Amino acid sequence: MEKGYVTQFTRLVIGNGSIFAAVDIWRPRRKILAPVFSMKNLNEFVKVFNRQSMIMADMLGPMAGGADFSVWRYFNTYTFDSVCETTLGIDLNSQKNPEHSFLAAFDWLSQDVAKRMTSPWLHPDFVYQRLPKYKKFVYHRQNIHNFVDEVIKMKQKQLSTFQKGDNKDISETAPKTFLDMMIESSDRVDKKYSDLELREELMVIVLAGTDTSAVGASFAAAMLARHPHVQEKLHHELDVVFGKSDRALTVEDLPKLKYLEAVIKETLRLYPPVPVTAREVMNDVKLPSGTTLVDGVTVVLNIWATHRNPTFWGADAEQFRPERFLEGPLKHPSQFQPFSLPMRNCLGYNYAMMSMKTMLANMLRRYRILPPSDMDEHKLQEPLKVSFDIMMRDMDNYEIRLEDRTENQFSEGRLLTNQKETSQ
């Protein structure tokens, strides 16, 4: 259960957040966090996902019928706004103001940490801290810390005035955020979260929640652009669930979108946002092959390769075929692990899936995704070119085209109204 040596460089950004913390720190924090991610709590966030994804769909309107563009900025700002609202209780409106300092700082830090991980000569602190860019690292890290610290203080002040009965603007029935629930959950154990511990855990949720969902959905959009027959099945499913109505997506709709879930899972299989993970070997372990992993070494677990192993996925393991997730149980419980596996799996797996399903559903209700204009049939069959900076990214930056499909589909309602306003 101990994370690998190279994760220490990520700890320099987020501290001892539970995703990378040592086991003795992770274990008690996991007990506090696990109830927070219950499905009952997550279901309350679907309204936020729906509202923010409809803003995203509106922002995409001017791109429909136009030239190639990167969908990354739209998805990344959607997930950032959704995560900040569900986690911290604030709406940053970064979708309409995408140059937020937090996103810029996180993007720089992700690339820098990845470079350090893959450059052994930069591993020693006495080397790295003498480089000119170290000051920039400290600057961006401080921006992120200041942002989260400010929100924590604001929330604590808000809760304090509410308990005294001085704040009439807070309703007892208002949806609770992750921060609210983390404070309450830690209140029920012997040791409450300190401000530092709250910051570390919130940073994990905000950073991981923003990036994993945005990366996963962006890869899904790129794959749908290359597989129109899959997209047609998706449109059919959405039309069955929503009909010609432009009503809001609800939590009851998500389980009905089975093919959409299969598309997302197949995308995560071929292009897992986190392609590798690492663990420390604490005792000698003999593998079935006869190889012994000795105490003290770090093992890198290749999720990318596991997801493409034909022994478990068949001869078509390299092909994009969502139907494989509708054909029955998997052959092995460990063959699919886009968010790692117990005991130290990602607690936010269901949160990310619900967010991705909502954003893609509301996008595809309005648009058809097309490949870039310069992509011929041969290129459509080629795998995506990827790079690594903590998360795995598309080197072509998820370029697609959009085509409006709401014309003649809705006789009335907001979707059609927005489309007309955009065209005007």
Protein backbone atom coordinates (compact mmCIF):
# COMPACT_ATOMS: atom_id res chain seq x y z
CA MET A 1 0.00 0.00 0.00
CA GLU A 2 3.00 2.34 0.17
CA LYS A 3 3.23 4.63 -2.86
CA GLY A 4 6.41 4.68 -4.93
CA TYR A 5 9.48 6.82 -4.43
CA VAL A 6 8.77 9.14 -7.37
CA THR A 7 5.48 10.30 -5.84
CA GLN A 8 7.48 12.40 -3.39
CA PHE A 9 7.76 15.08 -6.08
CA THR A 10 3.99 15.38 -6.22
CA ARG A 11 3.92 15.68 -2.43
CA LEU A 12 5.98 18.85 -2.78
CA VAL A 13 2.88 20.39 -4.39
CA ILE A 14 -0.04 18.89 -2.44
CA GLY A 15 1.69 17.88 0.78
CA ASN A 16 0.40 14.73 2.47
CA GLY A 17 -2.90 14.59 0.62
CA SER A 18 -4.19 11.04 0.92
CA ILE A 19 -3.68 10.10 -2.73
CA PHE A 20 0.12 10.06 -2.28
CA ALA A 21 0.56 10.12 1.51
CA ALA A 22 2.50 7.52 3.48
CA VAL A 23 0.33 4.69 4.81
CA ASP A 24 0.37 5.88 8.43
CA ILE A 25 -1.03 9.25 7.29
CA TRP A 26 -3.32 7.84 4.62
CA ARG A 27 -5.10 5.25 6.77
CA PRO A 28 -6.81 7.58 9.33
CA ARG A 29 -7.63 10.13 6.65
CA ARG A 30 -9.23 7.47 4.46
CA LYS A 31 -11.64 6.66 7.30
CA ILE A 32 -12.76 10.28 7.33
CA LEU A 33 -12.97 10.67 3.56
CA ALA A 34 -14.71 7.41 2.61
CA PRO A 35 -18.19 8.41 3.95
CA VAL A 36 -17.88 11.78 2.21
CA PHE A 37 -17.83 10.04 -1.19
CA SER A 38 -21.00 8.01 -0.59
CA MET A 39 -23.44 7.78 -3.52
CA LYS A 40 -26.05 9.63 -1.45
CA ASN A 41 -23.72 12.62 -1.25
CA LEU A 42 -22.59 12.35 -4.87
CA ASN A 43 -26.16 12.30 -6.16
CA GLU A 44 -26.65 15.78 -4.72
CA PHE A 45 -23.98 17.12 -7.07
CA VAL A 46 -25.69 16.14 -10.33
CA LYS A 47 -27.57 19.45 -10.42
CA VAL A 48 -24.23 21.25 -10.33
CA PHE A 49 -22.83 19.01 -13.08
CA ASN A 50 -25.89 19.67 -15.21
CA ARG A 51 -25.89 23.43 -14.77
CA GLN A 52 -22.15 23.80 -15.39
CA SER A 53 -22.21 21.47 -18.40
CA MET A 54 -25.07 23.44 -19.95
CA ILE A 55 -22.91 26.55 -19.63
CA MET A 56 -20.16 24.58 -21.37
CA ALA A 57 -22.57 23.58 -24.17
CA ASP A 58 -23.54 27.23 -24.60
CA MET A 59 -19.89 28.26 -24.77
CA LEU A 60 -19.31 25.66 -27.51
CA GLY A 61 -22.11 27.17 -29.63
CA PRO A 62 -19.95 29.59 -31.64
CA MET A 63 -17.63 26.71 -32.59
CA ALA A 64 -20.39 24.66 -34.26
CA GLY A 65 -20.02 24.63 -38.03
CA GLY A 66 -16.62 26.30 -37.76
CA ALA A 67 -12.98 25.32 -38.01
CA ASP A 68 -10.95 22.82 -36.00
CA PHE A 69 -10.49 23.68 -32.33
CA SER A 70 -9.25 22.13 -29.11
CA VAL A 71 -12.03 20.97 -26.82
CA TRP A 72 -9.62 20.86 -23.86
CA ARG A 73 -10.20 24.40 -22.58
CA TYR A 74 -13.98 23.92 -22.52
CA PHE A 75 -13.82 20.61 -20.66
CA ASN A 76 -11.08 21.75 -18.29
CA THR A 77 -12.91 24.92 -17.21
CA TYR A 78 -16.18 22.95 -16.85
CA THR A 79 -14.55 20.43 -14.51
CA PHE A 80 -12.78 23.19 -12.58
CA ASP A 81 -16.02 25.12 -12.01
CA SER A 82 -17.88 21.92 -11.09
CA VAL A 83 -15.20 20.74 -8.67
CA CYS A 84 -14.86 24.15 -7.01
CA GLU A 85 -18.63 24.43 -6.54
CA THR A 86 -19.11 20.89 -5.21
CA THR A 87 -15.92 20.91 -3.12
CA LEU A 88 -15.60 24.48 -1.91
CA GLY A 89 -19.05 25.95 -2.48
CA ILE A 90 -17.88 28.73 -4.79
CA ASP A 91 -18.66 29.38 -8.45
CA LEU A 92 -15.54 30.79 -10.09
CA ASN A 93 -17.15 31.09 -13.52
CA SER A 94 -13.87 30.13 -15.17
CA GLN A 95 -15.76 28.90 -18.23
CA LYS A 96 -16.45 32.52 -19.15
CA ASN A 97 -13.14 33.73 -17.69
CA PRO A 98 -10.72 30.91 -18.51
CA GLU A 99 -7.48 32.68 -17.54
CA HIS A 100 -7.78 31.77 -13.85
CA SER A 101 -4.43 31.86 -12.01
CA PHE A 102 -5.16 28.53 -10.30
CA LEU A 103 -5.48 26.69 -13.64
CA ALA A 104 -2.34 28.32 -15.02
CA ALA A 105 -0.37 27.42 -11.88
CA PHE A 106 -1.59 23.84 -11.90
CA ASP A 107 -0.76 23.39 -15.59
CA TRP A 108 2.82 24.63 -15.05
CA LEU A 109 3.33 22.50 -11.93
CA SER A 110 2.01 19.35 -13.64
CA GLN A 111 4.48 19.66 -16.48
CA ASP A 112 7.37 20.49 -14.17
CA VAL A 113 6.72 17.61 -11.75
CA ALA A 114 6.45 15.17 -14.67
CA LYS A 115 9.77 16.36 -16.08
CA ARG A 116 11.40 15.90 -12.69
CA MET A 117 9.94 12.41 -12.25
CA THR A 118 11.41 11.30 -15.56
CA SER A 119 14.80 13.04 -15.06
CA PRO A 120 16.78 11.16 -12.36
CA TRP A 121 19.48 13.84 -12.31
CA LEU A 122 16.82 16.27 -10.98
CA HIS A 123 15.68 13.98 -8.16
CA PRO A 124 18.07 15.30 -5.46
CA ASP A 125 16.62 18.42 -3.78
CA PHE A 126 20.04 20.07 -3.57
CA VAL A 127 20.20 19.98 -7.39
CA TYR A 128 16.62 20.97 -8.18
CA GLN A 129 16.47 23.81 -5.64
CA ARG A 130 19.48 25.47 -7.25
CA LEU A 131 17.86 25.67 -10.67
CA PRO A 132 16.44 29.04 -11.82
CA LYS A 133 12.98 27.53 -12.31
CA TYR A 134 12.73 26.49 -8.65
CA LYS A 135 11.61 30.04 -7.79
CA LYS A 136 8.84 29.68 -10.37
CA PHE A 137 7.86 26.34 -8.81
CA VAL A 138 7.55 27.96 -5.38
CA TYR A 139 5.59 30.88 -6.85
CA HIS A 140 2.98 28.66 -8.57
CA ARG A 141 2.70 26.34 -5.57
CA GLN A 142 2.08 29.31 -3.27
CA ASN A 143 -0.67 30.59 -5.59
CA ILE A 144 -2.50 27.27 -5.27
CA HIS A 145 -2.01 27.10 -1.50
CA ASN A 146 -3.21 30.68 -1.00
CA PHE A 147 -6.33 30.03 -3.05
CA VAL A 148 -7.35 26.96 -1.03
CA ASP A 149 -6.41 28.55 2.33
CA GLU A 150 -8.57 31.57 1.56
CA VAL A 151 -11.57 29.38 0.77
CA ILE A 152 -11.11 27.35 3.99
CA LYS A 153 -11.03 30.52 6.10
CA MET A 154 -14.12 31.84 4.33
CA LYS A 155 -16.00 28.57 4.94
CA GLN A 156 -14.98 28.40 8.61
CA LYS A 157 -16.15 31.96 9.14
CA GLN A 158 -19.39 31.17 7.37
CA LEU A 159 -20.01 28.09 9.52
CA SER A 160 -19.12 29.99 12.68
CA THR A 161 -21.60 32.81 12.01
CA PHE A 162 -24.26 30.27 11.05
CA GLN A 163 -23.83 28.39 14.34
CA LYS A 164 -24.25 31.67 16.19
CA GLY A 165 -27.39 32.42 14.22
CA ASP A 166 -25.91 35.59 12.72
CA ASN A 167 -25.96 34.54 9.08
CA LYS A 168 -29.44 34.43 7.58
CA ASP A 169 -28.15 33.69 4.06
CA ILE A 170 -27.22 30.08 4.80
CA SER A 171 -30.03 27.55 4.71
CA GLU A 172 -29.87 24.31 6.67
CA THR A 173 -31.26 22.60 3.60
CA ALA A 174 -28.62 24.05 1.24
CA PRO A 175 -26.52 21.38 -0.53
CA LYS A 176 -23.40 20.52 1.41
CA THR A 177 -19.99 20.71 -0.23
CA PHE A 178 -17.08 18.30 0.21
CA LEU A 179 -15.51 20.86 2.54
CA ASP A 180 -18.64 20.94 4.72
CA MET A 181 -18.76 17.17 4.84
CA MET A 182 -15.03 16.81 5.54
CA ILE A 183 -15.30 19.18 8.49
CA GLU A 184 -18.33 17.30 9.82
CA SER A 185 -16.75 13.88 9.25
CA SER A 186 -13.54 14.87 11.04
CA ASP A 187 -15.63 16.27 13.92
CA ARG A 188 -16.94 12.73 14.54
CA VAL A 189 -13.47 11.26 15.11
CA ASP A 190 -11.00 11.78 17.93
CA LYS A 191 -8.77 14.17 15.96
CA LYS A 192 -10.22 16.95 13.83
CA TYR A 193 -8.64 17.98 10.56
CA SER A 194 -6.23 20.87 11.00
CA ASP A 195 -6.28 23.72 8.46
CA LEU A 196 -3.19 22.20 6.84
CA GLU A 197 -4.82 18.76 6.58
CA LEU A 198 -7.97 20.31 5.13
CA ARG A 199 -5.88 22.14 2.54
CA GLU A 200 -4.00 18.97 1.57
CA GLU A 201 -7.14 16.90 1.09
CA LEU A 202 -9.00 19.67 -0.71
CA MET A 203 -6.09 20.13 -3.10
CA VAL A 204 -6.21 16.44 -3.95
CA ILE A 205 -9.93 16.62 -4.68
CA VAL A 206 -9.74 19.86 -6.68
CA LEU A 207 -6.62 19.00 -8.67
CA ALA A 208 -7.43 15.33 -9.33
CA GLY A 209 -11.14 16.03 -9.87
CA THR A 210 -10.44 18.75 -12.39
CA ASP A 211 -7.82 16.97 -14.43
CA THR A 212 -8.94 13.33 -14.52
CA SER A 213 -12.47 14.15 -15.67
CA ALA A 214 -11.29 16.70 -18.23
CA VAL A 215 -8.65 14.33 -19.62
CA GLY A 216 -11.06 11.39 -19.75
CA ALA A 217 -13.83 13.37 -21.46
CA SER A 218 -11.41 14.99 -23.92
CA PHE A 219 -10.07 11.61 -24.99
CA ALA A 220 -13.69 10.40 -25.32
CA ALA A 221 -14.51 13.32 -27.63
CA ALA A 222 -11.44 12.57 -29.75
CA MET A 223 -12.45 8.91 -30.04
CA LEU A 224 -16.07 9.72 -30.91
CA ALA A 225 -14.83 12.00 -33.69
CA ARG A 226 -12.96 9.02 -35.15
CA HIS A 227 -15.80 6.49 -34.71
CA PRO A 228 -19.05 7.97 -36.11
CA HIS A 229 -20.92 4.64 -35.82
CA VAL A 230 -20.31 4.68 -32.06
CA GLN A 231 -21.49 8.27 -31.86
CA GLU A 232 -24.68 7.43 -33.74
CA LYS A 233 -25.47 4.76 -31.14
CA LEU A 234 -24.89 7.33 -28.44
CA HIS A 235 -27.20 9.84 -30.08
CA HIS A 236 -29.87 7.16 -30.33
CA GLU A 237 -29.55 6.36 -26.63
CA LEU A 238 -29.77 10.04 -25.71
CA ASP A 239 -32.86 10.47 -27.90
CA VAL A 240 -34.51 7.48 -26.21
CA VAL A 241 -33.80 8.83 -22.72
CA PHE A 242 -34.58 12.52 -23.37
CA GLY A 243 -36.81 12.37 -26.43
CA LYS A 244 -37.36 15.78 -28.01
CA SER A 245 -37.33 17.45 -24.63
CA ASP A 246 -34.68 19.97 -23.61
CA ARG A 247 -35.26 19.22 -19.92
CA ALA A 248 -32.46 19.20 -17.40
CA LEU A 249 -30.51 15.99 -16.88
CA THR A 250 -31.28 14.42 -13.50
CA VAL A 251 -29.61 11.83 -11.29
CA GLU A 252 -32.25 9.31 -12.42
CA ASP A 253 -31.08 9.65 -16.04
CA LEU A 254 -27.48 8.60 -15.42
CA PRO A 255 -28.08 4.84 -14.88
CA LYS A 256 -30.09 4.77 -18.12
CA LEU A 257 -27.10 5.98 -20.15
CA LYS A 258 -25.49 2.56 -20.29
CA TYR A 259 -23.87 2.91 -23.71
CA LEU A 260 -22.43 6.29 -22.78
CA GLU A 261 -20.88 4.71 -19.70
CA ALA A 262 -19.42 1.94 -21.89
CA VAL A 263 -17.94 4.57 -24.23
CA ILE A 264 -16.29 6.35 -21.30
CA LYS A 265 -14.93 3.10 -19.87
CA GLU A 266 -13.57 2.00 -23.25
CA THR A 267 -11.89 5.39 -23.59
CA LEU A 268 -10.36 5.04 -20.10
CA ARG A 269 -9.20 1.55 -21.04
CA LEU A 270 -7.28 2.69 -24.11
CA TYR A 271 -6.23 6.09 -22.77
CA PRO A 272 -6.16 5.98 -18.96
CA PRO A 273 -5.53 9.50 -17.58
CA VAL A 274 -2.96 7.99 -15.21
CA PRO A 275 -1.10 5.40 -17.35
CA VAL A 276 1.24 4.13 -14.61
CA THR A 277 1.35 4.00 -10.84
CA ALA A 278 3.99 2.85 -8.37
CA ARG A 279 4.17 0.87 -5.13
CA GLU A 280 6.94 0.11 -2.65
CA VAL A 281 7.64 -3.57 -1.97
CA MET A 282 7.70 -4.00 1.82
CA ASN A 283 8.30 -7.80 1.87
CA ASP A 284 9.65 -10.22 -0.73
CA VAL A 285 6.89 -11.23 -3.13
CA LYS A 286 7.21 -14.20 -5.47
CA LEU A 287 5.18 -13.82 -8.66
CA PRO A 288 3.54 -16.75 -10.51
CA SER A 289 6.24 -16.37 -13.17
CA GLY A 290 8.89 -17.23 -10.59
CA THR A 291 10.31 -13.72 -10.40
CA THR A 292 10.77 -12.40 -6.87
CA LEU A 293 10.18 -8.74 -6.05
CA VAL A 294 12.54 -7.97 -3.18
CA ASP A 295 11.92 -5.80 -0.14
CA GLY A 296 12.84 -2.16 -0.72
CA VAL A 297 12.36 -1.84 -4.48
CA THR A 298 9.75 0.26 -6.24
CA VAL A 299 7.42 -1.49 -8.67
CA VAL A 300 5.89 0.48 -11.53
CA LEU A 301 2.45 -0.87 -12.45
CA ASN A 302 1.78 -0.34 -16.16
CA ILE A 303 -1.96 0.38 -16.37
CA TRP A 304 -1.64 1.23 -20.08
CA ALA A 305 -0.24 -2.23 -20.88
CA THR A 306 -2.68 -4.05 -18.58
CA HIS A 307 -5.59 -2.39 -20.42
CA ARG A 308 -4.25 -3.62 -23.76
CA ASN A 309 -3.33 -7.17 -22.76
CA PRO A 310 -4.96 -9.51 -25.34
CA THR A 311 -5.01 -12.35 -22.80
CA PHE A 312 -7.83 -10.56 -21.01
CA TRP A 313 -9.23 -8.22 -23.66
CA GLY A 314 -9.05 -10.45 -26.73
CA ALA A 315 -7.40 -10.16 -30.12
CA ASP A 316 -9.07 -6.78 -30.69
CA ALA A 317 -7.58 -5.27 -27.51
CA GLU A 318 -6.15 -2.33 -29.48
CA GLN A 319 -9.53 -1.49 -31.03
CA PHE A 320 -12.07 1.01 -29.69
CA ARG A 321 -15.13 -1.17 -29.04
CA PRO A 322 -17.38 0.05 -26.18
CA GLU A 323 -19.63 -3.01 -26.49
CA ARG A 324 -17.03 -5.09 -24.63
CA PHE A 325 -18.23 -3.45 -21.39
CA LEU A 326 -21.80 -4.58 -22.07
CA GLU A 327 -20.96 -8.24 -22.76
CA GLY A 328 -20.77 -9.49 -19.20
CA PRO A 329 -18.29 -9.51 -16.33
CA LEU A 330 -14.58 -9.01 -16.89
CA LYS A 331 -12.26 -12.04 -16.92
CA HIS A 332 -10.15 -10.69 -14.05
CA PRO A 333 -10.97 -8.05 -11.38
CA SER A 334 -7.65 -6.29 -11.99
CA GLN A 335 -7.75 -6.03 -15.79
CA PHE A 336 -9.50 -2.62 -15.69
CA GLN A 337 -8.04 -0.09 -13.27
CA PRO A 338 -8.16 3.48 -14.65
CA PHE A 339 -8.43 4.82 -11.10
CA SER A 340 -6.11 2.23 -9.55
CA LEU A 341 -7.40 -0.58 -7.34
CA PRO A 342 -8.10 -1.16 -3.64
CA MET A 343 -6.84 -0.66 -1.13
CA ARG A 344 -5.49 2.68 -2.38
CA ASN A 345 -7.86 3.28 -5.26
CA CYS A 346 -9.18 6.75 -6.07
CA LEU A 347 -12.19 7.58 -3.89
CA GLY A 348 -13.41 9.98 -6.57
CA TYR A 349 -14.05 7.29 -9.22
CA ASN A 350 -17.85 7.57 -9.10
CA TYR A 351 -17.66 11.36 -8.88
CA ALA A 352 -15.54 11.48 -12.05
CA MET A 353 -17.80 9.05 -13.92
CA MET A 354 -20.95 11.02 -13.02
CA SER A 355 -19.33 14.29 -14.07
CA MET A 356 -18.09 12.88 -17.39
CA LYS A 357 -21.43 11.25 -18.20
CA THR A 358 -23.28 14.51 -17.51
CA MET A 359 -20.95 16.76 -19.52
CA LEU A 360 -20.78 14.43 -22.52
CA ALA A 361 -24.53 13.79 -22.47
CA ASN A 362 -25.38 17.50 -22.51
CA MET A 363 -22.78 18.17 -25.18
CA LEU A 364 -23.95 15.35 -27.45
CA ARG A 365 -27.61 16.29 -27.07
CA ARG A 366 -26.73 19.48 -28.97
CA TYR A 367 -23.76 18.61 -31.17
CA ARG A 368 -22.23 15.99 -33.42
CA ILE A 369 -18.47 15.62 -33.02
CA LEU A 370 -16.44 15.51 -36.24
CA PRO A 371 -12.72 14.80 -36.81
CA PRO A 372 -10.32 17.62 -37.71
CA SER A 373 -10.68 18.78 -41.31
CA ASP A 374 -7.22 17.55 -42.33
CA MET A 375 -7.74 14.01 -41.06
CA ASP A 376 -8.14 11.43 -43.84
CA GLU A 377 -9.34 7.82 -43.49
CA HIS A 378 -5.81 6.55 -42.87
CA LYS A 379 -5.21 8.98 -40.00
CA LEU A 380 -8.58 8.12 -38.49
CA GLN A 381 -7.35 4.57 -37.96
CA GLU A 382 -4.10 5.58 -36.26
CA PRO A 383 -3.84 5.61 -32.46
CA LEU A 384 -3.66 8.97 -30.72
CA LYS A 385 -0.19 10.33 -29.99
CA VAL A 386 0.19 10.91 -26.27
CA SER A 387 2.56 12.61 -23.83
CA PHE A 388 2.98 12.43 -20.05
CA ASP A 389 2.79 15.24 -17.48
CA ILE A 390 1.33 13.52 -14.40
CA MET A 391 -1.76 12.87 -16.51
CA MET A 392 -1.54 11.46 -20.03
CA ARG A 393 -2.39 13.99 -22.75
CA ASP A 394 -3.17 14.00 -26.46
CA MET A 395 -0.22 15.61 -28.27
CA ASP A 396 -2.65 17.09 -30.83
CA ASN A 397 -4.52 18.75 -27.95
CA TYR A 398 -7.87 17.02 -28.55
CA GLU A 399 -8.72 18.85 -31.77
CA ILE A 400 -12.21 18.26 -33.17
CA ARG A 401 -14.97 20.01 -35.12
CA LEU A 402 -18.59 20.42 -34.09
CA GLU A 403 -21.84 20.26 -36.01
CA ASP A 404 -25.12 21.47 -34.52
CA ARG A 405 -27.71 18.69 -34.36
CA THR A 406 -30.49 20.52 -32.46
CA GLU A 407 -32.05 22.07 -35.55
CA ASN A 408 -35.37 20.32 -36.26
CA GLN A 409 -34.85 18.19 -33.12
CA PHE A 410 -36.45 20.50 -30.57
CA SER A 411 -39.53 22.46 -31.47
CA GLU A 412 -39.15 24.68 -28.45
CA GLY A 413 -37.04 25.09 -25.35
CA ARG A 414 -33.74 26.47 -24.23
CA LEU A 415 -31.48 24.35 -26.42
CA LEU A 416 -33.12 25.61 -29.60
CA THR A 417 -33.28 29.17 -28.25
CA ASN A 418 -29.57 29.16 -27.48
CA GLN A 419 -28.77 27.82 -30.92
CA LYS A 420 -30.78 30.63 -32.57
CA GLU A 421 -29.18 33.28 -30.38
CA THR A 422 -25.72 31.96 -31.27
CA SER A 423 -26.46 32.03 -35.00
CA GLN A 424 -27.80 35.59 -34.72
